[in-house]
Amino acid sequence: MTGGSPVAAAALAGVPAGVQSQGAWIGRRQLFVRFAGEAETATMYTATALIREIERQLGRSRFHSIAIGGRDPLANVPFLRAALDGAKPAIPVMLDTDGQRPDAIADIASFFAMVQVSIDFIGPDAMLAHALSTLGAAAKAGRSHALVLSPRDDTTDAQVLRIIEQARGVSEQTEIVVHPVTAPAEGATLDRQWATLLEQAMASHANTRLALRIPPPTGLR
């Protein structure tokens, strides 16, 4: 083929409507553009096909925002740029990422109202460094940005507090949301350790809050 540019396409796990399960916009009704993981059933979308699907769903129902997420969405910057530029949604668009492609943010940040970086405390320290760099890139681009922390059973309070302090050092405008490991059983109360952790976290960064995730099938990500 000569002239022009190739048709941008990507493997998506779907474009479902749902409720954001975590982070800065938790509980918001969103239209999700989910990039497929290795074990997920994928459908190839051209940018044109995604534009039509976004327009179709926004035309038939009301949403707070669009969430771009799933596996490694920033591996598909040309596709995202073509789709979002073509759709020109009138509602905000959020990028939900693990933060491993900070260099890609500058090329596409203008399309996002919110850049949300999610950390689940799995992987080497280099992953954390990249996640913090992504927050910095979003701040530099003038985008709202949030850090979502999902501690595991073996995550220490010191680890959580250190990341919060580092995030504040990157940008004082970072919104931080900490999700407890598990929700309390029916009739039980959340362990007081989380209230203590929040008190300590806010001493370092005031814009920190604690929130329980919305589990599936209601909550999506």
Protein backbone atom coordinates (compact mmCIF):
# COMPACT_ATOMS: atom_id res chain seq x y z
CA MET A 1 0.00 0.00 0.00
CA THR A 2 1.33 3.41 -0.85
CA GLY A 3 0.37 6.76 0.61
CA GLY A 4 -1.78 7.44 3.65
CA SER A 5 -1.38 5.60 6.95
CA PRO A 6 -2.26 2.06 8.03
CA VAL A 7 -5.61 1.47 9.70
CA ALA A 8 -5.10 1.55 13.48
CA ALA A 9 -6.48 -1.55 15.19
CA ALA A 10 -6.26 -3.22 18.58
CA ALA A 11 -7.50 -6.30 20.44
CA LEU A 12 -10.22 -5.35 22.90
CA ALA A 13 -11.91 -7.47 25.56
CA GLY A 14 -15.02 -5.37 25.03
CA VAL A 15 -16.65 -1.97 25.37
CA PRO A 16 -19.06 -2.59 28.24
CA ALA A 17 -21.10 -0.16 30.29
CA GLY A 18 -20.57 -0.50 34.01
CA VAL A 19 -19.63 0.98 37.38
CA GLN A 20 -16.02 1.91 38.19
CA SER A 21 -14.84 -0.43 40.93
CA GLN A 22 -11.93 1.55 42.33
CA GLY A 23 -9.92 4.73 42.42
CA ALA A 24 -10.67 8.39 41.98
CA TRP A 25 -13.97 7.92 40.17
CA ILE A 26 -15.19 4.86 42.07
CA GLY A 27 -18.94 4.36 41.82
CA ARG A 28 -19.25 6.36 38.61
CA ARG A 29 -21.14 4.90 35.67
CA GLN A 30 -18.63 4.60 32.87
CA LEU A 31 -18.22 3.27 29.37
CA PHE A 32 -15.20 0.96 29.52
CA VAL A 33 -12.78 0.47 26.66
CA ARG A 34 -10.91 -2.64 27.84
CA PHE A 35 -7.77 -3.86 26.11
CA ALA A 36 -7.56 -7.65 26.15
CA GLY A 37 -5.17 -9.61 28.33
CA GLU A 38 -3.51 -12.84 27.23
CA ALA A 39 -6.19 -15.10 28.72
CA GLU A 40 -9.16 -13.02 27.59
CA THR A 41 -11.31 -13.45 24.53
CA ALA A 42 -10.42 -10.60 22.20
CA THR A 43 -12.11 -8.87 19.31
CA MET A 44 -10.11 -6.80 16.86
CA TYR A 45 -11.43 -3.24 16.59
CA THR A 46 -10.32 -0.70 14.06
CA ALA A 47 -10.30 2.87 15.31
CA THR A 48 -13.34 3.52 13.09
CA ALA A 49 -15.24 0.61 14.65
CA LEU A 50 -14.47 1.88 18.17
CA ILE A 51 -15.57 5.39 17.23
CA ARG A 52 -18.91 4.01 16.05
CA GLU A 53 -19.35 1.92 19.21
CA ILE A 54 -18.57 4.87 21.49
CA GLU A 55 -20.99 7.10 19.58
CA ARG A 56 -23.69 4.39 19.66
CA GLN A 57 -23.48 3.86 23.40
CA LEU A 58 -23.20 7.54 24.30
CA GLY A 59 -26.23 8.20 22.11
CA ARG A 60 -28.46 5.72 23.93
CA SER A 61 -27.48 6.19 27.60
CA ARG A 62 -25.86 8.64 30.00
CA PHE A 63 -22.39 8.08 31.45
CA HIS A 64 -20.17 10.07 33.79
CA SER A 65 -17.05 9.26 31.78
CA ILE A 66 -15.15 6.83 29.59
CA ALA A 67 -12.53 4.54 31.18
CA ILE A 68 -9.61 3.36 29.06
CA GLY A 69 -8.12 0.33 30.77
CA GLY A 70 -7.47 -3.38 30.63
CA ARG A 71 -4.06 -4.78 29.75
CA ASP A 72 -1.42 -2.24 28.73
CA PRO A 73 -3.60 0.37 26.97
CA LEU A 74 -0.61 2.63 26.29
CA ALA A 75 0.87 -0.04 24.02
CA ASN A 76 -1.78 1.18 21.56
CA VAL A 77 -1.24 4.95 21.45
CA PRO A 78 -1.83 5.41 17.67
CA PHE A 79 -5.09 3.44 17.95
CA LEU A 80 -6.25 5.43 20.98
CA ARG A 81 -5.33 8.74 19.43
CA ALA A 82 -7.24 7.92 16.24
CA ALA A 83 -10.30 6.66 18.12
CA LEU A 84 -10.54 9.46 20.68
CA ASP A 85 -9.80 12.16 18.13
CA GLY A 86 -12.50 10.76 15.88
CA ALA A 87 -15.13 10.21 18.58
CA LYS A 88 -14.52 13.52 20.36
CA PRO A 89 -16.62 12.42 23.37
CA ALA A 90 -18.36 15.21 25.27
CA ILE A 91 -17.73 13.46 28.58
CA PRO A 92 -14.39 13.08 30.42
CA VAL A 93 -12.00 10.25 29.57
CA MET A 94 -9.96 8.47 32.23
CA LEU A 95 -6.84 6.41 31.61
CA ASP A 96 -6.46 3.56 34.11
CA THR A 97 -2.95 2.14 33.84
CA ASP A 98 -0.28 0.31 35.80
CA GLY A 99 2.08 3.12 34.86
CA GLN A 100 4.68 1.08 33.01
CA ARG A 101 4.85 3.33 29.93
CA PRO A 102 5.51 6.84 31.30
CA ASP A 103 7.12 7.95 28.03
CA ALA A 104 3.80 7.44 26.21
CA ILE A 105 1.85 9.91 28.37
CA ALA A 106 3.01 13.11 26.67
CA ASP A 107 1.83 11.90 23.25
CA ILE A 108 -1.75 11.30 24.31
CA ALA A 109 -2.34 13.18 27.59
CA SER A 110 -4.48 15.86 25.95
CA PHE A 111 -7.29 13.32 25.47
CA PHE A 112 -7.54 12.47 29.19
CA ALA A 113 -9.19 14.36 32.02
CA MET A 114 -7.77 11.89 34.55
CA VAL A 115 -4.69 9.65 34.55
CA GLN A 116 -5.08 6.96 37.19
CA VAL A 117 -2.12 4.77 38.12
CA SER A 118 -2.95 1.55 39.96
CA ILE A 119 -0.40 -0.31 42.09
CA ASP A 120 -1.06 -3.80 43.47
CA PHE A 121 2.33 -4.34 45.15
CA ILE A 122 3.40 -7.10 42.77
CA GLY A 123 6.66 -6.93 40.87
CA PRO A 124 10.10 -5.33 41.15
CA ASP A 125 10.95 -1.84 42.39
CA ALA A 126 11.42 -0.72 38.78
CA MET A 127 7.65 -1.03 38.26
CA LEU A 128 7.06 1.41 41.12
CA ALA A 129 9.58 3.84 39.66
CA HIS A 130 7.78 3.74 36.30
CA ALA A 131 4.41 4.24 38.00
CA LEU A 132 5.69 7.33 39.81
CA SER A 133 7.17 8.62 36.53
CA THR A 134 3.74 8.25 34.93
CA LEU A 135 2.20 10.41 37.67
CA GLY A 136 4.91 12.98 37.03
CA ALA A 137 4.25 12.93 33.29
CA ALA A 138 0.53 13.45 33.87
CA ALA A 139 1.22 16.34 36.23
CA LYS A 140 3.59 17.93 33.72
CA ALA A 141 0.92 17.63 31.04
CA GLY A 142 -1.59 19.41 33.28
CA ARG A 143 -3.86 16.38 33.68
CA SER A 144 -5.61 15.42 36.91
CA HIS A 145 -3.88 12.35 38.30
CA ALA A 146 -4.54 9.73 40.94
CA LEU A 147 -2.65 6.90 42.57
CA VAL A 148 -4.64 3.81 43.54
CA LEU A 149 -3.01 1.54 46.12
CA SER A 150 -4.28 -2.00 46.61
CA PRO A 151 -2.19 -3.53 49.42
CA ARG A 152 -1.91 -7.31 49.72
CA ASP A 153 -1.96 -9.43 52.85
CA ASP A 154 1.83 -9.29 52.99
CA THR A 155 2.10 -5.54 52.31
CA THR A 156 3.36 -3.57 55.29
CA ASP A 157 2.10 -0.19 56.42
CA ALA A 158 5.62 1.12 55.93
CA GLN A 159 5.53 0.17 52.24
CA VAL A 160 2.22 1.95 51.72
CA LEU A 161 3.35 5.07 53.57
CA ARG A 162 6.62 5.20 51.66
CA ILE A 163 4.83 5.12 48.30
CA ILE A 164 2.43 7.86 49.42
CA GLU A 165 5.37 10.03 50.45
CA GLN A 166 7.11 9.37 47.12
CA ALA A 167 3.95 10.21 45.18
CA ARG A 168 3.59 13.49 47.02
CA GLY A 169 7.20 14.23 46.15
CA VAL A 170 6.38 13.71 42.48
CA SER A 171 3.26 15.90 42.57
CA GLU A 172 1.44 17.52 45.46
CA GLN A 173 -1.73 17.40 43.34
CA THR A 174 -1.83 13.59 43.33
CA GLU A 175 -5.11 12.17 44.60
CA ILE A 176 -4.41 8.96 46.51
CA VAL A 177 -6.98 6.23 47.14
CA VAL A 178 -6.12 3.24 49.34
CA HIS A 179 -8.29 0.13 49.04
CA PRO A 180 -8.22 -2.30 51.99
CA VAL A 181 -7.20 -5.87 51.21
CA THR A 182 -10.67 -7.28 51.79
CA ALA A 183 -14.08 -5.91 52.66
CA PRO A 184 -15.34 -6.77 56.16
CA ALA A 185 -17.75 -9.68 56.52
CA GLU A 186 -21.44 -8.89 56.89
CA GLY A 187 -22.06 -7.30 60.26
CA ALA A 188 -18.35 -6.82 60.93
CA THR A 189 -16.36 -3.60 61.01
CA LEU A 190 -13.24 -2.68 59.11
CA ASP A 191 -10.13 -3.38 61.17
CA ARG A 192 -8.95 -0.28 63.00
CA GLN A 193 -5.49 -0.70 61.47
CA TRP A 194 -6.86 0.98 58.33
CA ALA A 195 -8.00 4.04 60.25
CA THR A 196 -4.55 4.24 61.82
CA LEU A 197 -2.90 3.86 58.41
CA LEU A 198 -5.07 6.63 56.99
CA GLU A 199 -4.16 8.93 59.87
CA GLN A 200 -0.47 8.33 59.20
CA ALA A 201 -0.91 8.71 55.45
CA MET A 202 -2.70 12.04 55.77
CA ALA A 203 0.14 13.37 57.89
CA SER A 204 2.27 12.89 54.78
CA HIS A 205 -0.28 13.76 52.09
CA ALA A 206 -3.64 15.30 52.97
CA ASN A 207 -5.34 14.26 49.71
CA THR A 208 -5.48 10.59 50.71
CA ARG A 209 -8.64 8.60 51.33
CA LEU A 210 -9.70 5.07 52.16
CA ALA A 211 -12.39 3.31 50.09
CA LEU A 212 -13.77 -0.20 49.71
CA ARG A 213 -13.72 -1.54 46.17
CA ILE A 214 -17.02 -2.37 44.46
CA PRO A 215 -16.77 -6.10 43.70
CA PRO A 216 -17.84 -7.65 40.39
CA PRO A 217 -20.22 -8.10 38.72
CA THR A 218 -21.35 -4.57 39.69
CA GLY A 219 -17.86 -3.10 39.81
CA LEU A 220 -15.77 -3.10 36.64
CA ARG A 221 -12.28 -1.98 35.81
